[in-house]
N, C-alpha and C. Protein backbone atom coordinates (compact mmCIF):
# COMPACT_ATOMS: atom_id res chain seq x y z
N MET A 1 0.90 -1.18 -0.09
CA MET A 1 0.10 0.23 -0.13
C MET A 1 0.94 1.14 0.09
N SER A 2 0.59 2.09 -0.62
CA SER A 2 1.29 3.61 -0.85
C SER A 2 0.47 4.64 -0.67
N GLY A 3 0.55 5.66 0.30
CA GLY A 3 -0.22 6.79 0.30
C GLY A 3 -1.56 6.39 0.12
N GLY A 4 -1.96 5.35 0.54
CA GLY A 4 -3.83 5.15 0.97
C GLY A 4 -4.17 4.76 0.17
N HIS A 5 -3.49 4.32 -1.05
CA HIS A 5 -3.94 3.36 -2.38
C HIS A 5 -3.33 1.83 -2.73
N LEU A 6 -3.78 1.09 -2.66
CA LEU A 6 -3.23 -0.02 -2.91
C LEU A 6 -2.01 -0.26 -4.55
N ASP A 7 -0.93 -0.93 -4.41
CA ASP A 7 -0.25 -0.78 -4.99
C ASP A 7 -0.81 -1.99 -5.94
N TYR A 8 -1.00 -1.64 -7.37
CA TYR A 8 -1.17 -3.21 -8.21
C TYR A 8 -0.45 -3.67 -9.08
N GLY A 9 0.86 -3.52 -8.82
CA GLY A 9 1.92 -4.46 -9.53
C GLY A 9 2.65 -2.82 -10.22
N THR A 10 3.59 -3.71 -10.55
CA THR A 10 4.72 -2.44 -11.47
C THR A 10 4.20 -2.37 -13.12
N PRO A 11 4.61 -1.14 -14.00
CA PRO A 11 4.47 -1.54 -15.17
C PRO A 11 4.72 -2.50 -15.50
N LYS A 12 5.90 -3.30 -15.45
CA LYS A 12 6.21 -4.30 -16.30
C LYS A 12 5.23 -5.28 -16.21
N VAL A 13 4.81 -5.70 -14.91
CA VAL A 13 3.49 -6.67 -14.77
C VAL A 13 2.45 -6.26 -15.26
N GLN A 14 1.92 -4.87 -15.10
CA GLN A 14 0.24 -4.28 -15.88
C GLN A 14 0.81 -4.86 -17.31
N ASN A 15 2.24 -4.34 -17.83
CA ASN A 15 2.19 -4.39 -19.42
C ASN A 15 2.49 -5.89 -19.96
N ALA A 16 2.73 -6.35 -19.11
CA ALA A 16 2.68 -8.05 -19.96
C ALA A 16 1.32 -8.81 -19.76
N TYR A 17 0.58 -7.98 -18.48
CA TYR A 17 -0.43 -8.99 -18.21
C TYR A 17 -1.71 -8.24 -19.61
N HIS A 18 -1.70 -7.08 -20.22
CA HIS A 18 -2.16 -6.23 -21.27
C HIS A 18 -1.92 -6.91 -22.36
N GLN A 19 -0.30 -7.28 -22.44
CA GLN A 19 -0.23 -8.29 -23.74
C GLN A 19 -0.52 -9.35 -23.77
N TRP A 20 -0.70 -9.99 -22.63
CA TRP A 20 -1.24 -11.43 -22.95
C TRP A 20 -2.89 -11.46 -23.25
N LEU A 21 -3.72 -10.40 -22.08
CA LEU A 21 -4.99 -10.10 -22.23
C LEU A 21 -5.37 -9.92 -23.88
N ARG A 22 -4.36 -8.96 -24.52
CA ARG A 22 -4.87 -8.70 -25.84
C ARG A 22 -4.64 -9.89 -26.84
N GLY A 23 -3.89 -10.91 -26.41
CA GLY A 23 -3.87 -12.32 -27.58
C GLY A 23 -4.98 -13.27 -27.22
N ARG A 24 -6.08 -12.90 -26.39
CA ARG A 24 -7.23 -13.70 -26.37
C ARG A 24 -8.24 -13.11 -27.37
N PRO A 25 -8.97 -14.05 -27.16
CA PRO A 25 -10.19 -13.93 -28.38
C PRO A 25 -10.98 -12.60 -27.87
N CYS A 26 -11.88 -11.82 -28.50
CA CYS A 26 -12.82 -10.86 -27.50
C CYS A 26 -13.78 -11.33 -26.49
N ALA A 27 -14.02 -10.97 -25.45
CA ALA A 27 -14.78 -11.37 -24.37
C ALA A 27 -16.56 -11.77 -24.99
N VAL A 28 -16.62 -10.64 -26.06
CA VAL A 28 -18.17 -11.18 -25.93
C VAL A 28 -18.27 -11.21 -27.90
N ALA A 29 -17.43 -12.00 -28.10
CA ALA A 29 -17.15 -12.27 -29.59
C ALA A 29 -18.64 -13.21 -30.24
N LYS A 30 -19.09 -14.04 -29.47
CA LYS A 30 -20.54 -15.13 -29.44
C LYS A 30 -21.67 -13.58 -30.08
N LEU A 31 -21.30 -12.61 -29.59
CA LEU A 31 -22.56 -11.76 -30.63
C LEU A 31 -22.22 -11.13 -31.81
N GLY A 32 -20.82 -11.70 -31.93
CA GLY A 32 -20.77 -11.46 -33.66
C GLY A 32 -20.25 -10.13 -34.06
N GLY A 33 -19.95 -9.49 -34.86
CA GLY A 33 -19.58 -8.06 -35.44
C GLY A 33 -17.96 -7.72 -35.02
N CYS A 34 -16.96 -8.87 -34.61
CA CYS A 34 -15.77 -8.13 -33.81
C CYS A 34 -15.33 -7.33 -35.26
N SER A 35 -14.52 -6.59 -34.99
CA SER A 35 -13.59 -5.33 -35.93
C SER A 35 -12.54 -5.04 -34.86
N GLY A 36 -11.60 -4.88 -35.76
CA GLY A 36 -10.24 -3.98 -35.11
C GLY A 36 -9.51 -5.03 -34.36
N HIS A 37 -8.38 -4.31 -33.90
CA HIS A 37 -7.21 -4.81 -32.99
C HIS A 37 -7.62 -5.10 -31.39
N MET A 38 -7.24 -5.83 -30.77
CA MET A 38 -7.74 -6.35 -29.17
C MET A 38 -7.15 -5.54 -28.38
N GLU A 39 -7.90 -5.29 -27.49
CA GLU A 39 -7.88 -4.01 -26.61
C GLU A 39 -8.05 -4.66 -25.14
N ALA A 40 -7.24 -4.11 -23.84
CA ALA A 40 -7.50 -4.23 -22.69
C ALA A 40 -8.78 -3.17 -22.17
N ALA A 41 -9.94 -3.76 -21.83
CA ALA A 41 -10.71 -2.96 -21.48
C ALA A 41 -11.27 -3.03 -20.32
N HIS A 42 -11.18 -2.12 -19.35
CA HIS A 42 -10.85 -1.72 -17.72
C HIS A 42 -12.54 -1.99 -17.33
N THR A 43 -12.74 -3.09 -16.31
CA THR A 43 -14.15 -2.96 -15.86
C THR A 43 -14.29 -1.82 -14.58
N PRO A 44 -15.33 -1.80 -14.02
CA PRO A 44 -15.50 -1.33 -13.05
C PRO A 44 -15.33 -1.43 -11.75
N ASP A 45 -14.32 -0.90 -10.70
CA ASP A 45 -13.86 -1.40 -9.45
C ASP A 45 -13.50 -0.45 -8.45
N PRO A 46 -14.86 0.19 -7.92
CA PRO A 46 -14.19 1.12 -6.87
C PRO A 46 -13.29 1.01 -6.21
N MET A 47 -12.85 0.08 -5.68
CA MET A 47 -12.06 -0.14 -4.74
C MET A 47 -10.55 0.24 -5.06
N SER A 48 -10.37 0.18 -6.56
CA SER A 48 -8.77 0.04 -7.05
C SER A 48 -8.71 1.77 -7.90
N LYS A 49 -9.85 2.44 -7.82
CA LYS A 49 -9.79 3.62 -8.25
C LYS A 49 -10.43 5.11 -7.61
N GLY A 50 -9.74 6.02 -8.34
CA GLY A 50 -9.84 7.14 -7.51
C GLY A 50 -10.94 7.64 -8.34
N ALA A 51 -11.74 8.97 -8.04
CA ALA A 51 -12.47 9.94 -8.73
C ALA A 51 -11.32 10.27 -9.92
N GLY A 52 -11.56 10.19 -11.58
CA GLY A 52 -11.11 10.63 -12.44
C GLY A 52 -9.81 9.94 -13.19
N THR A 53 -10.01 8.48 -12.43
CA THR A 53 -9.07 7.25 -12.74
C THR A 53 -9.69 6.72 -13.33
N LYS A 54 -8.72 5.48 -14.28
CA LYS A 54 -9.66 4.38 -14.75
C LYS A 54 -9.32 3.05 -13.34
N ALA A 55 -9.57 1.99 -13.57
CA ALA A 55 -9.48 0.94 -12.67
C ALA A 55 -8.03 0.16 -12.76
N ALA A 56 -7.92 -0.41 -11.94
CA ALA A 56 -6.40 -1.06 -11.50
C ALA A 56 -6.40 -1.96 -13.26
N ASP A 57 -5.19 -2.03 -13.50
CA ASP A 57 -5.31 -2.57 -14.75
C ASP A 57 -5.73 -4.25 -14.48
N HIS A 58 -5.58 -4.99 -13.21
CA HIS A 58 -5.45 -6.22 -13.61
C HIS A 58 -7.37 -6.25 -13.04
N ASN A 59 -8.10 -5.60 -13.52
CA ASN A 59 -10.03 -4.96 -13.76
C ASN A 59 -9.61 -5.11 -15.31
N ALA A 60 -9.56 -5.78 -16.10
CA ALA A 60 -9.93 -5.65 -17.64
C ALA A 60 -10.15 -6.94 -18.05
N ILE A 61 -10.55 -6.71 -19.50
CA ILE A 61 -11.42 -7.83 -20.26
C ILE A 61 -10.64 -7.61 -21.27
N ALA A 62 -10.59 -8.33 -22.07
CA ALA A 62 -10.49 -8.48 -23.65
C ALA A 62 -11.24 -8.52 -24.66
N LEU A 63 -11.42 -7.03 -25.34
CA LEU A 63 -12.60 -7.00 -26.36
C LEU A 63 -11.93 -6.13 -27.32
N CYS A 64 -12.61 -6.50 -28.52
CA CYS A 64 -11.92 -6.48 -29.65
C CYS A 64 -12.07 -4.69 -29.86
N GLN A 65 -11.09 -4.33 -30.68
CA GLN A 65 -11.75 -2.57 -30.94
C GLN A 65 -12.99 -2.35 -31.03
N GLY A 66 -13.73 -2.76 -31.76
CA GLY A 66 -15.30 -2.24 -31.83
C GLY A 66 -16.42 -2.62 -31.05
N HIS A 67 -16.07 -3.63 -30.08
CA HIS A 67 -16.65 -3.83 -28.92
C HIS A 67 -16.44 -2.94 -27.73
N HIS A 68 -15.22 -2.89 -27.58
CA HIS A 68 -14.55 -1.68 -26.94
C HIS A 68 -15.67 -0.15 -26.91
N GLN A 69 -15.16 0.15 -28.14
CA GLN A 69 -16.07 1.53 -28.42
C GLN A 69 -17.47 1.39 -28.53
N ALA A 70 -18.06 0.25 -28.87
CA ALA A 70 -19.63 0.20 -28.09
C ALA A 70 -19.84 0.47 -26.71
N HIS A 71 -19.14 -0.41 -26.16
CA HIS A 71 -19.03 -0.18 -24.57
C HIS A 71 -18.97 1.01 -24.07
N THR A 72 -17.93 1.97 -24.76
CA THR A 72 -17.44 3.32 -23.98
C THR A 72 -18.23 3.96 -23.91
N LEU A 73 -19.21 3.91 -25.46
CA LEU A 73 -20.38 4.62 -26.07
C LEU A 73 -21.71 4.73 -25.10
N GLY A 74 -21.99 2.98 -25.07
CA GLY A 74 -23.15 2.97 -24.72
C GLY A 74 -23.68 2.27 -23.18
N GLY A 75 -21.92 1.91 -22.81
CA GLY A 75 -22.48 0.95 -21.58
C GLY A 75 -22.37 -0.59 -22.15
N TRP A 76 -22.20 -1.35 -20.36
CA TRP A 76 -21.93 -2.71 -20.75
C TRP A 76 -23.07 -3.14 -21.64
N SER A 77 -24.27 -3.06 -20.98
CA SER A 77 -25.09 -3.35 -21.78
C SER A 77 -25.40 -3.65 -23.47
N LYS A 78 -24.80 -2.29 -23.76
CA LYS A 78 -24.51 -2.55 -25.36
C LYS A 78 -23.88 -3.61 -25.99
N ILE A 79 -22.78 -4.39 -25.43
CA ILE A 79 -22.18 -5.53 -25.50
C ILE A 79 -22.92 -6.67 -24.63
N GLY A 80 -23.88 -6.58 -23.96
CA GLY A 80 -24.56 -7.92 -23.35
C GLY A 80 -24.11 -8.24 -22.19
N LEU A 81 -23.20 -7.23 -21.69
CA LEU A 81 -22.88 -7.51 -20.51
C LEU A 81 -23.36 -6.68 -19.12
N THR A 82 -23.31 -7.16 -18.09
CA THR A 82 -23.51 -6.00 -16.56
C THR A 82 -22.46 -5.81 -16.12
N ARG A 83 -22.32 -4.60 -15.24
CA ARG A 83 -21.13 -4.45 -14.63
C ARG A 83 -20.54 -5.60 -13.82
N GLU A 84 -21.56 -6.27 -13.17
CA GLU A 84 -20.87 -7.52 -12.16
C GLU A 84 -20.50 -8.54 -13.40
N THR A 85 -21.23 -8.76 -14.37
CA THR A 85 -20.73 -10.16 -15.13
C THR A 85 -19.19 -9.23 -16.32
N ALA A 86 -18.90 -8.35 -15.75
CA ALA A 86 -17.70 -7.98 -16.75
C ALA A 86 -16.37 -7.71 -15.36
N GLN A 87 -16.98 -7.81 -14.05
CA GLN A 87 -16.20 -7.95 -12.92
C GLN A 87 -15.76 -9.15 -12.99
N LYS A 88 -16.53 -10.00 -12.95
CA LYS A 88 -16.17 -11.76 -12.78
C LYS A 88 -15.50 -11.93 -14.07
N MET A 89 -15.92 -11.95 -15.32
CA MET A 89 -14.77 -11.93 -16.06
C MET A 89 -13.28 -11.67 -16.03
N ALA A 90 -13.49 -9.95 -15.41
CA ALA A 90 -11.80 -10.08 -15.48
C ALA A 90 -11.34 -10.15 -14.17
N ALA A 91 -11.78 -10.86 -12.99
CA ALA A 91 -11.57 -11.58 -12.44
C ALA A 91 -10.82 -13.22 -12.94
N GLU A 92 -11.94 -13.59 -13.61
CA GLU A 92 -11.19 -15.01 -14.23
C GLU A 92 -10.46 -14.87 -15.19
N TYR A 93 -9.94 -13.67 -16.04
CA TYR A 93 -9.08 -13.42 -16.84
C TYR A 93 -7.73 -13.33 -16.05
N TRP A 94 -7.76 -12.72 -14.78
CA TRP A 94 -6.72 -12.44 -14.08
C TRP A 94 -6.20 -13.90 -13.40
N ARG A 95 -6.44 -14.78 -13.36
CA ARG A 95 -7.02 -16.18 -12.51
C ARG A 95 -6.02 -17.04 -13.40
N LEU A 96 -6.22 -16.68 -14.94
CA LEU A 96 -6.00 -17.64 -15.53
C LEU A 96 -4.66 -17.33 -16.01
N TRP A 97 -4.31 -15.97 -16.16
CA TRP A 97 -2.82 -15.57 -16.50
C TRP A 97 -1.69 -16.11 -15.40
N LYS A 98 -0.99 -16.98 -16.16
CA LYS A 98 0.16 -17.49 -15.51
C LYS A 98 1.67 -16.55 -15.13
N GLY A 99 1.41 -15.15 -15.44
CA GLY A 99 2.47 -14.45 -15.16
C GLY A 99 2.70 -13.41 -13.91
N ASP A 100 3.96 -13.33 -13.51
CA ASP A 100 4.34 -12.28 -12.48
C ASP A 100 3.18 -11.58 -12.15
N LYS A 101 2.75 -12.10 -11.11
CA LYS A 101 1.23 -11.02 -9.92
C LYS A 101 1.69 -9.82 -9.50
N GLY A 102 3.13 -10.16 -9.48
CA GLY A 102 4.19 -9.12 -8.54
C GLY A 102 3.25 -9.28 -7.26
N GLU A 103 2.97 -7.93 -6.38
CA GLU A 103 2.26 -7.99 -4.91
C GLU A 103 1.11 -8.16 -5.16
N LEU A 104 0.15 -8.35 -5.87
CA LEU A 104 -1.21 -9.04 -6.07
C LEU A 104 -1.26 -10.44 -6.19
N ALA A 105 -0.08 -11.22 -6.02
CA ALA A 105 0.15 -12.56 -6.11
C ALA A 105 -0.65 -13.22 -4.71
């Protein structure tokens, strides 16, 4: 913990995790219409973020660029998810990643 905030890993851990995540299929590919490159889309996590900041990097799911943009513009329901489902998916991706989880291990 640093300055009242949890330390969610070093940039090296975060970058490695995001690289791995971008190598997964789109989490909502079953909807069809995937387009663009894969991205790490952050899920809501009030415990790891402050006002005006994004969620911790381990709170992310794999989305293609098209579905990520649809979510950003229209919310989770626009891509067939709820906030809770997205959070559960992010936890499962993090569990499956075999890389160094730093202080989160």
